[in-house]
Protein backbone atom coordinates (compact mmCIF):
# COMPACT_ATOMS: atom_id res chain seq x y z
CA MET A 1 -0.01 0.03 0.01
CA ALA A 2 1.43 3.31 -0.96
CA ASP A 3 0.23 6.85 -0.82
CA VAL A 4 -0.15 8.36 -4.31
CA ASN A 5 1.69 11.70 -4.48
CA ASP A 6 0.31 12.64 -7.83
CA ILE A 7 -3.23 11.45 -7.98
CA SER A 8 -3.52 12.51 -11.59
CA GLU A 9 -1.22 9.42 -12.38
CA VAL A 10 -4.03 7.05 -11.16
CA LEU A 11 -7.32 8.99 -11.53
CA PRO A 12 -9.00 10.77 -14.47
CA GLU A 13 -8.63 14.55 -14.41
CA GLU A 14 -12.44 14.91 -13.52
CA ASP A 15 -11.85 12.83 -10.39
CA VAL A 16 -8.83 14.88 -9.49
CA SER A 17 -10.92 18.11 -9.77
CA PHE A 18 -13.87 16.64 -7.84
CA LEU A 19 -11.68 15.52 -4.95
CA LYS A 20 -9.80 18.86 -4.68
CA ASP A 21 -13.07 20.87 -4.96
CA LYS A 22 -15.46 18.86 -2.90
CA HIS A 23 -13.35 16.63 -0.62
CA PRO A 24 -10.06 18.39 -0.04
CA ASN A 25 -9.45 16.28 3.01
CA HIS A 26 -8.90 13.05 1.05
CA VAL A 27 -6.33 10.39 0.75
CA VAL A 28 -5.59 8.29 -2.32
CA ARG A 29 -3.57 4.98 -2.12
CA GLN A 30 -2.57 2.27 -4.60
CA VAL A 31 -3.39 -1.02 -2.95
CA GLY A 32 -2.49 -3.92 -5.24
CA SER A 33 -4.51 -3.40 -8.45
CA GLU A 34 -7.01 -1.13 -6.64
CA ILE A 35 -7.16 2.56 -5.97
CA HIS A 36 -8.39 3.35 -2.45
CA VAL A 37 -9.93 6.82 -1.95
CA LEU A 38 -10.52 7.79 1.64
CA LEU A 39 -12.84 10.77 2.21
CA LYS A 40 -12.28 11.95 5.70
CA ASP A 41 -15.18 13.37 7.81
CA PHE A 42 -17.87 12.38 5.38
CA ALA A 43 -21.26 13.78 6.39
CA PHE A 44 -24.10 11.37 6.84
CA PRO A 45 -27.86 12.27 6.72
CA GLU A 46 -29.77 12.91 9.98
CA GLN A 47 -31.11 9.45 10.18
CA TYR A 48 -27.67 8.07 11.03
CA SER A 49 -25.42 8.07 14.11
CA PRO A 50 -22.68 9.15 14.10
CA ARG A 51 -23.38 11.98 11.56
CA VAL A 52 -19.65 11.99 10.41
CA SER A 53 -17.50 9.16 9.55
CA ASP A 54 -14.57 8.31 7.26
CA LEU A 55 -15.72 6.89 3.94
CA LEU A 56 -13.53 4.46 1.98
CA LEU A 57 -14.11 3.79 -1.70
CA ARG A 58 -12.27 0.97 -3.41
CA LEU A 59 -11.91 1.55 -7.16
CA PRO A 60 -11.40 -1.78 -9.00
CA ALA A 61 -8.62 -2.62 -11.51
CA GLY A 62 -9.78 -1.07 -14.75
CA TYR A 63 -11.51 1.92 -13.25
CA PRO A 64 -13.14 4.01 -14.73
CA ASN A 65 -14.03 1.21 -17.28
CA ALA A 66 -14.91 -1.01 -14.38
CA ALA A 67 -17.75 0.29 -11.95
CA PRO A 68 -16.93 0.62 -8.23
CA ASP A 69 -18.99 -1.46 -5.86
CA MET A 70 -19.77 -1.13 -2.16
CA PHE A 71 -18.27 1.26 0.36
CA TRP A 72 -16.83 1.19 3.89
CA THR A 73 -17.01 3.46 6.90
CA LYS A 74 -15.15 3.95 10.11
CA PRO A 75 -16.33 4.16 12.82
CA ASP A 76 -19.39 1.95 12.38
CA VAL A 77 -22.66 3.73 11.55
CA LYS A 78 -26.09 2.90 12.83
CA LEU A 79 -29.57 4.27 12.08
CA THR A 80 -30.73 6.69 14.84
CA ALA A 81 -33.43 4.24 15.59
CA GLY A 82 -30.67 2.07 16.97
CA VAL A 83 -30.64 -0.59 14.33
CA TRP A 84 -27.90 -1.56 11.85
CA PRO A 85 -28.55 -0.46 8.20
CA ALA A 86 -29.56 -3.15 5.90
CA GLN A 87 -26.79 -5.23 4.24
CA CYS A 88 -24.04 -3.87 6.44
CA ALA A 89 -21.30 -5.75 8.20
CA HIS A 90 -20.57 -4.57 11.65
CA ARG A 91 -18.89 -5.69 14.85
CA GLU A 92 -22.00 -6.26 17.03
CA ILE A 93 -20.62 -9.63 18.07
CA PRO A 94 -16.81 -9.59 18.33
CA GLY A 95 -15.06 -12.34 16.48
CA SER A 96 -18.39 -13.37 14.79
CA GLY A 97 -16.88 -13.05 11.23
CA SER A 98 -19.37 -10.43 10.58
CA GLY A 99 -17.87 -9.38 7.28
CA CYS A 100 -16.06 -6.26 8.55
CA GLU A 101 -12.81 -5.74 6.53
CA VAL A 102 -9.41 -4.67 7.83
CA TYR A 103 -7.69 -1.65 6.11
CA GLU A 104 -4.65 -0.10 7.58
CA SER A 105 -4.98 -2.46 10.69
CA LEU A 106 -8.45 -1.15 11.49
CA SER A 107 -11.82 -2.91 11.07
CA TRP A 108 -14.11 -1.12 8.75
CA GLN A 109 -17.99 -1.42 8.44
CA ARG A 110 -18.80 -2.76 4.80
CA TRP A 111 -21.88 -1.42 3.15
CA SER A 112 -22.96 -4.00 0.50
CA ARG A 113 -24.67 -2.01 -2.07
CA HIS A 114 -24.64 -3.15 -5.73
CA PHE A 115 -25.65 -0.19 -7.84
CA GLN A 116 -27.22 -1.85 -10.90
CA GLY A 117 -27.46 -0.36 -14.39
CA GLY A 118 -26.25 3.07 -13.55
CA TRP A 119 -22.57 3.04 -14.56
CA ILE A 120 -21.79 4.38 -18.01
CA VAL A 121 -18.19 3.76 -19.09
CA GLY A 122 -16.58 6.96 -20.41
CA VAL A 123 -19.23 9.22 -18.68
CA HIS A 124 -19.32 8.32 -15.07
CA GLY A 125 -16.58 8.61 -12.49
CA LEU A 126 -15.94 9.32 -8.73
CA GLN A 127 -18.31 12.16 -8.62
CA PHE A 128 -21.23 9.96 -9.78
CA PHE A 129 -20.23 7.16 -7.38
CA VAL A 130 -20.08 9.48 -4.36
CA ARG A 131 -23.41 11.06 -5.43
CA THR A 132 -24.80 7.48 -5.74
CA VAL A 133 -23.62 6.57 -2.22
CA ALA A 134 -25.14 9.82 -0.70
CA GLN A 135 -28.43 9.06 -2.51
CA GLU A 136 -28.38 5.56 -1.00
CA LEU A 137 -27.68 6.89 2.46
CA LYS A 138 -30.55 9.31 2.14
CA ARG A 139 -32.85 6.33 1.82
CA GLY A 140 -32.05 5.64 5.40
CA VAL A 141 -32.23 1.80 5.15
């Protein structure tokens, strides 16, 4: 895993501009064949607690010709009603093999969201994916 000093070497120019303009507190790393984009202090809608969490996006080999899938948060995020969001791995039962994933020696909550039919190669990029994540979170499920 290595920090990327010049993110324009691994991301399209539109993604570089988006990150600089909308998420200046970001980190980009090359991890094997994936590009990991960490958005620090990502704001969550009011139906979640906590309202701010780090958001990890893992861009697959071949991105942007291959669509990203799923996202991860640290710390774990619940709905304010006290229940876990649907299709989320969490650490409710330590050692349960709940599906949390380790990144930089920390356990991250995995949100299993498979966004069907929305990715258009050559058109969509990181801004579209972050907007799709935000729309999914607004649903509050």
